[in-house]
N, C-alpha and C. Protein backbone atom coordinates (compact mmCIF):
# COMPACT_ATOMS: atom_id res chain seq x y z
N MET A 1 -125.59 16.52 -86.79
CA MET A 1 -125.55 16.25 -88.20
C MET A 1 -124.76 14.95 -88.45
N GLU A 2 -125.29 14.11 -89.32
CA GLU A 2 -124.64 12.83 -89.61
C GLU A 2 -123.58 13.00 -90.70
N SER A 3 -122.53 12.22 -90.60
CA SER A 3 -121.50 12.25 -91.63
C SER A 3 -121.99 11.47 -92.85
N VAL A 4 -121.34 11.71 -93.97
CA VAL A 4 -121.68 10.99 -95.19
C VAL A 4 -121.48 9.50 -95.00
N ASP A 5 -120.39 9.12 -94.36
CA ASP A 5 -120.12 7.70 -94.13
C ASP A 5 -121.21 7.04 -93.29
N ASP A 6 -121.73 7.77 -92.27
CA ASP A 6 -122.82 7.24 -91.46
C ASP A 6 -124.09 7.05 -92.29
N LEU A 7 -124.37 8.01 -93.15
CA LEU A 7 -125.55 7.90 -94.01
C LEU A 7 -125.41 6.74 -94.99
N VAL A 8 -124.23 6.58 -95.56
CA VAL A 8 -123.99 5.47 -96.48
C VAL A 8 -124.19 4.14 -95.74
N SER A 9 -123.71 4.06 -94.52
CA SER A 9 -123.88 2.83 -93.72
C SER A 9 -125.35 2.54 -93.48
N LYS A 10 -126.12 3.56 -93.18
CA LYS A 10 -127.55 3.36 -92.96
C LYS A 10 -128.24 2.84 -94.21
N PHE A 11 -127.90 3.42 -95.36
CA PHE A 11 -128.52 2.98 -96.61
C PHE A 11 -128.11 1.55 -96.95
N THR A 12 -126.84 1.23 -96.80
CA THR A 12 -126.41 -0.13 -97.12
C THR A 12 -126.99 -1.14 -96.13
N ASP A 13 -127.15 -0.74 -94.88
CA ASP A 13 -127.79 -1.63 -93.90
C ASP A 13 -129.25 -1.90 -94.29
N ALA A 14 -129.87 -0.94 -94.96
CA ALA A 14 -131.25 -1.09 -95.42
C ALA A 14 -131.31 -1.76 -96.79
N GLN A 15 -130.19 -2.29 -97.25
CA GLN A 15 -130.06 -3.00 -98.52
C GLN A 15 -130.37 -2.13 -99.73
N VAL A 16 -130.02 -0.86 -99.64
CA VAL A 16 -130.13 0.05 -100.78
C VAL A 16 -128.82 -0.07 -101.57
N PRO A 17 -128.91 -0.29 -102.88
CA PRO A 17 -127.69 -0.46 -103.69
C PRO A 17 -126.98 0.87 -103.91
N VAL A 18 -126.09 1.22 -103.00
CA VAL A 18 -125.37 2.49 -103.05
C VAL A 18 -124.06 2.31 -103.80
N VAL A 19 -123.77 3.27 -104.68
CA VAL A 19 -122.53 3.24 -105.44
C VAL A 19 -121.87 4.62 -105.36
N GLN A 20 -120.55 4.62 -105.22
CA GLN A 20 -119.80 5.87 -105.19
C GLN A 20 -119.26 6.15 -106.58
N LEU A 21 -119.51 7.37 -107.05
CA LEU A 21 -119.00 7.82 -108.35
C LEU A 21 -118.23 9.12 -108.14
N THR A 22 -117.58 9.59 -109.19
CA THR A 22 -116.73 10.76 -109.08
C THR A 22 -117.32 11.94 -109.84
N PRO A 23 -117.57 13.06 -109.15
CA PRO A 23 -118.05 14.25 -109.87
C PRO A 23 -116.94 14.79 -110.78
N PRO A 24 -117.30 15.42 -111.89
CA PRO A 24 -116.27 15.87 -112.84
C PRO A 24 -115.47 17.08 -112.39
N ASP A 25 -115.99 17.87 -111.46
CA ASP A 25 -115.36 19.14 -111.18
C ASP A 25 -115.02 19.41 -109.72
N THR A 26 -115.21 18.45 -108.84
CA THR A 26 -114.90 18.66 -107.43
C THR A 26 -114.30 17.40 -106.82
N ARG A 27 -113.86 17.52 -105.58
CA ARG A 27 -113.32 16.36 -104.86
C ARG A 27 -114.28 15.93 -103.76
N LEU A 28 -115.53 15.86 -104.08
CA LEU A 28 -116.54 15.42 -103.12
C LEU A 28 -116.79 13.93 -103.26
N LYS A 29 -117.35 13.35 -102.22
CA LYS A 29 -117.83 11.98 -102.31
C LYS A 29 -119.24 12.04 -102.87
N LEU A 30 -119.49 11.30 -103.92
CA LEU A 30 -120.78 11.30 -104.58
C LEU A 30 -121.34 9.89 -104.53
N TYR A 31 -122.48 9.73 -103.89
CA TYR A 31 -123.12 8.43 -103.78
C TYR A 31 -124.50 8.50 -104.43
N VAL A 32 -124.88 7.46 -105.15
CA VAL A 32 -126.21 7.39 -105.73
C VAL A 32 -126.83 6.03 -105.43
N ASP A 33 -128.14 6.01 -105.42
CA ASP A 33 -128.90 4.76 -105.31
C ASP A 33 -128.96 4.18 -106.71
N ALA A 34 -128.31 3.06 -106.92
CA ALA A 34 -128.22 2.46 -108.25
C ALA A 34 -129.59 2.16 -108.85
N ASP A 35 -130.58 1.88 -108.01
CA ASP A 35 -131.92 1.58 -108.52
C ASP A 35 -132.60 2.79 -109.13
N ASN A 36 -132.14 4.00 -108.79
CA ASN A 36 -132.75 5.21 -109.32
C ASN A 36 -132.16 5.64 -110.66
N VAL A 37 -131.06 5.03 -111.06
CA VAL A 37 -130.43 5.38 -112.34
C VAL A 37 -131.10 4.56 -113.44
N ARG A 38 -131.70 5.26 -114.40
CA ARG A 38 -132.43 4.58 -115.48
C ARG A 38 -131.54 4.24 -116.66
N GLN A 39 -130.50 5.08 -116.87
CA GLN A 39 -129.67 4.90 -118.06
C GLN A 39 -128.35 5.63 -117.85
N VAL A 40 -127.32 5.18 -118.54
CA VAL A 40 -126.02 5.86 -118.53
C VAL A 40 -125.66 6.17 -119.97
N ASP A 41 -125.43 7.46 -120.24
CA ASP A 41 -125.08 7.90 -121.59
C ASP A 41 -123.69 8.51 -121.61
N GLU A 42 -123.12 8.59 -122.79
CA GLU A 42 -121.84 9.25 -122.96
C GLU A 42 -122.04 10.75 -122.77
N SER A 43 -121.07 11.39 -122.15
CA SER A 43 -121.16 12.82 -121.89
C SER A 43 -120.85 13.63 -123.15
N ASN A 44 -121.46 14.79 -123.22
CA ASN A 44 -121.20 15.73 -124.29
C ASN A 44 -120.49 16.94 -123.69
N PRO A 45 -119.21 17.18 -124.05
CA PRO A 45 -118.45 18.26 -123.42
C PRO A 45 -119.01 19.66 -123.71
N ILE A 46 -119.85 19.78 -124.71
CA ILE A 46 -120.48 21.07 -124.99
C ILE A 46 -121.54 21.38 -123.93
N ILE A 47 -122.19 20.35 -123.42
CA ILE A 47 -123.27 20.53 -122.45
C ILE A 47 -122.77 20.35 -121.02
N TYR A 48 -121.95 19.32 -120.78
CA TYR A 48 -121.50 18.98 -119.44
C TYR A 48 -120.04 19.36 -119.27
N HIS A 49 -119.55 19.22 -118.07
CA HIS A 49 -118.16 19.55 -117.75
C HIS A 49 -117.21 18.76 -118.65
N LYS A 50 -116.09 19.37 -119.02
CA LYS A 50 -115.16 18.71 -119.94
C LYS A 50 -114.54 17.44 -119.39
N LYS A 51 -114.50 17.29 -118.05
CA LYS A 51 -113.94 16.08 -117.45
C LYS A 51 -114.99 14.98 -117.26
N ALA A 52 -116.24 15.28 -117.54
CA ALA A 52 -117.30 14.28 -117.42
C ALA A 52 -117.20 13.30 -118.59
N LYS A 53 -117.23 12.03 -118.27
CA LYS A 53 -117.16 10.99 -119.30
C LYS A 53 -118.51 10.34 -119.58
N SER A 54 -119.40 10.39 -118.57
CA SER A 54 -120.74 9.83 -118.75
C SER A 54 -121.76 10.64 -117.95
N VAL A 55 -123.02 10.41 -118.28
CA VAL A 55 -124.13 11.11 -117.63
C VAL A 55 -125.13 10.07 -117.16
N LEU A 56 -125.48 10.14 -115.88
CA LEU A 56 -126.50 9.25 -115.34
C LEU A 56 -127.86 9.91 -115.53
N LEU A 57 -128.81 9.16 -116.04
CA LEU A 57 -130.16 9.67 -116.23
C LEU A 57 -131.07 9.06 -115.16
N PHE A 58 -131.73 9.92 -114.43
CA PHE A 58 -132.68 9.51 -113.40
C PHE A 58 -134.08 9.73 -113.95
N SER A 59 -135.09 9.71 -113.12
CA SER A 59 -136.45 9.93 -113.60
C SER A 59 -136.61 11.36 -114.09
N GLY A 60 -137.50 11.54 -115.03
CA GLY A 60 -137.74 12.88 -115.58
C GLY A 60 -136.52 13.41 -116.30
N LYS A 61 -136.20 14.66 -116.02
CA LYS A 61 -135.08 15.31 -116.70
C LYS A 61 -133.85 15.44 -115.82
N ILE A 62 -133.80 14.69 -114.75
CA ILE A 62 -132.68 14.77 -113.81
C ILE A 62 -131.50 13.99 -114.37
N ARG A 63 -130.36 14.67 -114.46
CA ARG A 63 -129.14 14.07 -115.00
C ARG A 63 -127.97 14.43 -114.10
N LEU A 64 -126.98 13.56 -114.07
CA LEU A 64 -125.80 13.80 -113.25
C LEU A 64 -124.56 13.37 -114.03
N ALA A 65 -123.67 14.33 -114.28
CA ALA A 65 -122.43 14.03 -115.00
C ALA A 65 -121.40 13.49 -114.02
N VAL A 66 -120.66 12.46 -114.46
CA VAL A 66 -119.62 11.84 -113.63
C VAL A 66 -118.37 11.59 -114.47
N ARG A 67 -117.24 11.37 -113.79
CA ARG A 67 -115.97 11.14 -114.48
C ARG A 67 -115.82 9.74 -115.04
N GLU A 68 -116.53 8.78 -114.51
CA GLU A 68 -116.39 7.39 -114.96
C GLU A 68 -116.87 7.25 -116.41
N GLU A 69 -116.18 6.39 -117.16
CA GLU A 69 -116.61 6.07 -118.52
C GLU A 69 -117.95 5.34 -118.45
N VAL A 70 -118.68 5.33 -119.54
CA VAL A 70 -120.00 4.69 -119.58
C VAL A 70 -119.92 3.24 -119.14
N LYS A 71 -118.94 2.52 -119.67
CA LYS A 71 -118.79 1.10 -119.34
C LYS A 71 -118.52 0.90 -117.85
N GLU A 72 -117.63 1.72 -117.28
CA GLU A 72 -117.29 1.60 -115.87
C GLU A 72 -118.47 1.97 -114.98
N ALA A 73 -119.16 3.07 -115.30
CA ALA A 73 -120.32 3.49 -114.50
C ALA A 73 -121.41 2.43 -114.55
N THR A 74 -121.66 1.90 -115.73
CA THR A 74 -122.68 0.85 -115.87
C THR A 74 -122.30 -0.38 -115.06
N SER A 75 -121.04 -0.76 -115.11
CA SER A 75 -120.57 -1.92 -114.35
C SER A 75 -120.73 -1.69 -112.84
N LEU A 76 -120.34 -0.53 -112.35
CA LEU A 76 -120.49 -0.21 -110.93
C LEU A 76 -121.96 -0.26 -110.49
N LEU A 77 -122.83 0.30 -111.31
CA LEU A 77 -124.26 0.30 -110.99
C LEU A 77 -124.84 -1.12 -110.97
N GLU A 78 -124.48 -1.91 -111.97
CA GLU A 78 -124.98 -3.29 -112.02
C GLU A 78 -124.45 -4.10 -110.85
N ASN A 79 -123.19 -3.89 -110.50
CA ASN A 79 -122.59 -4.59 -109.36
C ASN A 79 -123.30 -4.21 -108.06
N ALA A 80 -123.60 -2.94 -107.90
CA ALA A 80 -124.31 -2.49 -106.70
C ALA A 80 -125.70 -3.11 -106.62
N ARG A 81 -126.39 -3.18 -107.75
CA ARG A 81 -127.73 -3.76 -107.76
C ARG A 81 -127.70 -5.25 -107.40
N SER A 82 -126.68 -5.94 -107.87
CA SER A 82 -126.62 -7.39 -107.62
C SER A 82 -126.06 -7.71 -106.23
N ASN A 83 -125.41 -6.74 -105.60
CA ASN A 83 -124.82 -6.97 -104.28
C ASN A 83 -125.49 -6.13 -103.19
N ALA A 84 -126.74 -5.82 -103.35
CA ALA A 84 -127.44 -4.97 -102.36
C ALA A 84 -127.82 -5.81 -101.15
N ASP A 85 -126.82 -6.28 -100.46
CA ASP A 85 -127.05 -7.14 -99.29
C ASP A 85 -126.76 -6.42 -97.98
N GLY A 86 -126.52 -5.12 -98.03
CA GLY A 86 -126.29 -4.35 -96.83
C GLY A 86 -124.90 -4.49 -96.25
N LEU A 87 -123.98 -5.11 -96.96
CA LEU A 87 -122.64 -5.30 -96.42
C LEU A 87 -121.76 -4.08 -96.60
N GLN A 88 -121.69 -3.54 -97.81
CA GLN A 88 -120.86 -2.37 -98.04
C GLN A 88 -121.22 -1.73 -99.38
N PRO A 89 -120.99 -0.42 -99.52
CA PRO A 89 -121.26 0.24 -100.79
C PRO A 89 -120.24 -0.16 -101.83
N VAL A 90 -120.58 -0.01 -103.07
CA VAL A 90 -119.68 -0.33 -104.17
C VAL A 90 -118.89 0.92 -104.51
N PHE A 91 -117.54 0.77 -104.54
CA PHE A 91 -116.66 1.90 -104.87
C PHE A 91 -115.97 1.64 -106.18
């Protein structure tokens, strides 16, 4: 079984814009392909975890709540897209 770090290295070597974000309720490493995120919205604490600050919208109805503020998440995603040169993931 491959470690998360090994998988991230493989994706970045393939020039996939990988970005690390923070889940609202656990201490896991969360990585997403920045190209798959269509939009970043403000989180609603009634629907999502109370520590979630923004929600990433993927294709269809797939959503992922994260701790980063909308501005920060958007900046990380844009930075990953512009730096998808296979050197390192954006943290």
